[in-house]
Amino acid sequence: MTDLSQERELVINAQKNPAAFNKLYQLYFDKIYHFILARAGQVELAEDITSQTFVNALENMAKFRWRNVSFGAWLYRIAINNLNSYYRKHNRLVVTEEETLISLADQQLPPLEPYADFDEQIRITELKKAVDQLPDFEKNLVALRYFQEKSYEEIAEILNLSVNAVGVKLHRALKKVRKIINL
């Protein structure tokens, strides 16, 4: 990953020349795609929304204003808005089979070592199921912080919250997870 000053240069170049947007696309495509896939649960839908996210970003590059938070924060906000719009428009909830959920969670969590303790595997499976029971906003919050490894500042920018609100809401979400798995 590039540092913020390098990323800022990429953004400035993309604002001047749309062909330069390709570097930002390459930098963020996998992260945005996997984030949407984990929320949508369907490969084709995730591909469509990811494509729309990058099209929206490219079309609105002139409106982007640097705030010393990664460009990715803006992309995640666009992705969440596109996903929410899709579900509002189609008036439906995400329904996935348990196999699909576990597969998606496996893509987001590092694989266990072959010699890993069986009890550890069980705890990770319980954690995945507990996070899945959270409301969508809290799932996004947990996914951004722990699976996408975003800072509180980036999450605040993505979800349009204050940094303190991110901390409070994340604490509440984790408290719910602990209650679900009885920790």
Protein backbone atom coordinates (compact mmCIF):
# COMPACT_ATOMS: atom_id res chain seq x y z
CA MET A 1 0.00 0.00 0.00
CA THR A 2 1.18 3.48 -0.68
CA ASP A 3 1.50 6.15 1.97
CA LEU A 4 -0.92 9.09 2.01
CA SER A 5 1.42 11.47 0.19
CA GLN A 6 1.91 8.99 -2.67
CA GLU A 7 -1.80 8.30 -2.75
CA ARG A 8 -2.53 12.03 -2.85
CA GLU A 9 -0.29 12.32 -5.92
CA LEU A 10 -2.21 9.47 -7.58
CA VAL A 11 -5.48 11.29 -6.87
CA ILE A 12 -4.18 14.61 -8.21
CA ASN A 13 -2.95 12.87 -11.38
CA ALA A 14 -6.31 11.10 -11.81
CA GLN A 15 -8.14 14.40 -11.42
CA LYS A 16 -6.01 15.90 -14.18
CA ASN A 17 -5.99 12.86 -16.45
CA PRO A 18 -8.71 10.17 -16.23
CA ALA A 19 -6.30 7.56 -17.63
CA ALA A 20 -4.26 7.90 -14.42
CA PHE A 21 -7.29 6.62 -12.46
CA ASN A 22 -6.16 3.10 -13.40
CA LYS A 23 -3.49 3.15 -10.67
CA LEU A 24 -6.12 3.93 -8.02
CA TYR A 25 -8.33 1.24 -9.50
CA GLN A 26 -5.52 -1.33 -9.24
CA LEU A 27 -4.71 -0.22 -5.71
CA TYR A 28 -8.27 -0.59 -4.40
CA PHE A 29 -10.16 -3.03 -6.62
CA ASP A 30 -9.56 -6.21 -4.60
CA LYS A 31 -10.35 -4.56 -1.28
CA ILE A 32 -13.56 -2.95 -2.47
CA TYR A 33 -14.66 -6.11 -4.30
CA HIS A 34 -14.11 -8.38 -1.28
CA PHE A 35 -15.83 -5.93 1.02
CA ILE A 36 -18.90 -5.84 -1.24
CA LEU A 37 -18.82 -9.60 -1.80
CA ALA A 38 -18.88 -10.19 1.95
CA ARG A 39 -21.90 -7.90 2.29
CA ALA A 40 -23.77 -9.02 -0.86
CA GLY A 41 -23.06 -12.75 -0.75
CA GLN A 42 -23.34 -13.09 -4.53
CA VAL A 43 -20.40 -12.92 -6.92
CA GLU A 44 -22.31 -11.39 -9.85
CA LEU A 45 -23.92 -8.73 -7.66
CA ALA A 46 -20.56 -7.92 -6.05
CA GLU A 47 -18.98 -7.56 -9.49
CA ASP A 48 -21.76 -5.23 -10.66
CA ILE A 49 -21.66 -3.03 -7.57
CA THR A 50 -17.86 -2.92 -7.57
CA SER A 51 -17.90 -1.83 -11.21
CA GLN A 52 -20.52 0.81 -10.46
CA THR A 53 -18.46 2.04 -7.50
CA PHE A 54 -15.41 2.66 -9.67
CA VAL A 55 -17.50 4.22 -12.45
CA ASN A 56 -19.06 6.59 -9.89
CA ALA A 57 -15.64 7.43 -8.49
CA LEU A 58 -14.19 8.14 -11.93
CA GLU A 59 -17.16 10.29 -12.90
CA ASN A 60 -16.87 12.30 -9.69
CA MET A 61 -13.08 12.64 -9.40
CA ALA A 62 -13.32 16.40 -9.90
CA LYS A 63 -15.56 16.63 -6.81
CA PHE A 64 -13.19 14.64 -4.57
CA ARG A 65 -11.50 16.78 -1.91
CA TRP A 66 -8.45 15.51 -0.05
CA ARG A 67 -8.99 15.32 3.74
CA ASN A 68 -5.79 13.52 4.81
CA VAL A 69 -7.66 10.23 4.88
CA SER A 70 -7.01 7.59 2.25
CA PHE A 71 -8.83 7.80 -1.07
CA GLY A 72 -10.13 4.34 -0.19
CA ALA A 73 -12.39 5.85 2.47
CA TRP A 74 -14.25 7.68 -0.29
CA LEU A 75 -14.47 4.48 -2.35
CA TYR A 76 -15.86 2.50 0.58
CA ARG A 77 -18.50 5.17 1.14
CA ILE A 78 -19.51 4.98 -2.53
CA ALA A 79 -19.57 1.16 -2.32
CA ILE A 80 -21.79 1.17 0.77
CA ASN A 81 -24.12 3.73 -0.81
CA ASN A 82 -24.35 1.65 -4.01
CA LEU A 83 -25.07 -1.51 -2.05
CA ASN A 84 -27.72 0.23 0.06
CA SER A 85 -29.30 1.72 -3.07
CA TYR A 86 -29.43 -1.68 -4.72
CA TYR A 87 -31.25 -3.22 -1.76
CA ARG A 88 -33.64 -0.28 -1.40
CA LYS A 89 -34.43 -0.44 -5.12
CA HIS A 90 -34.96 -4.19 -5.07
CA ASN A 91 -36.62 -4.11 -1.64
CA ARG A 92 -34.90 -7.22 -0.41
CA LEU A 93 -32.51 -8.48 2.19
CA VAL A 94 -29.29 -10.39 1.73
CA VAL A 95 -30.03 -14.11 1.96
CA THR A 96 -27.11 -16.47 1.69
CA GLU A 97 -26.61 -20.09 2.43
CA GLU A 98 -24.41 -20.99 5.38
CA GLU A 99 -21.78 -22.45 3.03
CA THR A 100 -21.59 -19.16 1.15
CA LEU A 101 -21.27 -17.18 4.40
CA ILE A 102 -18.45 -19.36 5.64
CA SER A 103 -16.71 -19.17 2.27
CA LEU A 104 -16.98 -15.36 2.25
CA ALA A 105 -15.74 -15.11 5.82
CA ASP A 106 -12.82 -17.37 4.94
CA GLN A 107 -11.86 -14.94 2.19
CA GLN A 108 -11.73 -12.13 4.75
CA LEU A 109 -9.97 -13.94 7.59
CA PRO A 110 -6.44 -15.26 7.24
CA PRO A 111 -6.35 -19.03 6.69
CA LEU A 112 -5.56 -21.17 9.69
CA GLU A 113 -2.29 -23.02 9.78
CA PRO A 114 -2.69 -26.76 9.14
CA TYR A 115 -1.54 -27.50 12.68
CA ALA A 116 -3.86 -24.93 14.27
CA ASP A 117 -5.74 -25.99 17.34
CA PHE A 118 -9.21 -27.40 16.65
CA ASP A 119 -10.66 -25.27 19.46
CA GLU A 120 -9.32 -22.17 17.69
CA GLN A 121 -11.11 -23.20 14.47
CA ILE A 122 -14.35 -23.59 16.41
CA ARG A 123 -13.93 -20.13 18.00
CA ILE A 124 -13.35 -18.51 14.60
CA THR A 125 -16.44 -20.22 13.17
CA GLU A 126 -18.49 -18.99 16.15
CA LEU A 127 -17.12 -15.49 15.66
CA LYS A 128 -18.08 -15.50 11.97
CA LYS A 129 -21.62 -16.59 12.81
CA ALA A 130 -21.92 -13.99 15.59
CA VAL A 131 -20.81 -11.13 13.33
CA ASP A 132 -23.32 -12.28 10.71
CA GLN A 133 -26.12 -11.76 13.26
CA LEU A 134 -25.33 -8.06 13.62
CA PRO A 135 -27.38 -5.42 11.79
CA ASP A 136 -25.87 -4.37 8.44
CA PHE A 137 -24.42 -1.11 9.77
CA GLU A 138 -22.55 -2.94 12.52
CA LYS A 139 -21.40 -5.68 10.12
CA ASN A 140 -19.93 -2.94 7.93
CA LEU A 141 -18.28 -1.34 10.94
CA VAL A 142 -16.69 -4.61 12.11
CA ALA A 143 -15.68 -5.57 8.56
CA LEU A 144 -14.04 -2.21 7.93
CA ARG A 145 -12.10 -2.28 11.19
CA TYR A 146 -11.07 -5.91 11.51
CA PHE A 147 -11.23 -7.42 8.02
CA GLN A 148 -10.28 -4.35 5.96
CA GLU A 149 -8.01 -3.00 8.76
CA LYS A 150 -9.21 0.58 8.41
CA SER A 151 -8.30 3.20 10.99
CA TYR A 152 -10.97 4.91 13.07
CA GLU A 153 -10.37 8.06 10.99
CA GLU A 154 -10.95 6.20 7.72
CA ILE A 155 -14.08 4.52 9.08
CA ALA A 156 -15.36 7.90 10.26
CA GLU A 157 -14.89 9.28 6.75
CA ILE A 158 -16.49 6.23 5.10
CA LEU A 159 -19.55 6.15 7.35
CA ASN A 160 -19.81 9.92 7.81
CA LEU A 161 -19.38 9.73 11.59
CA SER A 162 -17.08 11.36 14.11
CA VAL A 163 -14.06 9.37 15.23
CA ASN A 164 -15.56 9.15 18.73
CA ALA A 165 -18.84 7.82 17.33
CA VAL A 166 -16.91 5.11 15.48
CA GLY A 167 -15.28 4.04 18.74
CA VAL A 168 -18.57 3.98 20.62
CA LYS A 169 -20.49 2.15 17.90
CA LEU A 170 -17.69 -0.36 17.39
CA HIS A 171 -17.53 -1.01 21.13
CA ARG A 172 -21.30 -1.65 21.16
CA ALA A 173 -21.07 -3.98 18.16
CA LEU A 174 -18.27 -5.98 19.78
CA LYS A 175 -20.25 -6.14 23.02
CA LYS A 176 -23.13 -7.68 21.02
CA VAL A 177 -20.74 -10.19 19.44
CA ARG A 178 -19.42 -11.18 22.89
CA LYS A 179 -22.98 -11.60 24.16
CA ILE A 180 -23.91 -13.77 21.15
CA ILE A 181 -20.95 -16.10 21.68
CA ASN A 182 -21.13 -15.85 25.48
CA LEU A 183 -17.63 -14.51 26.15
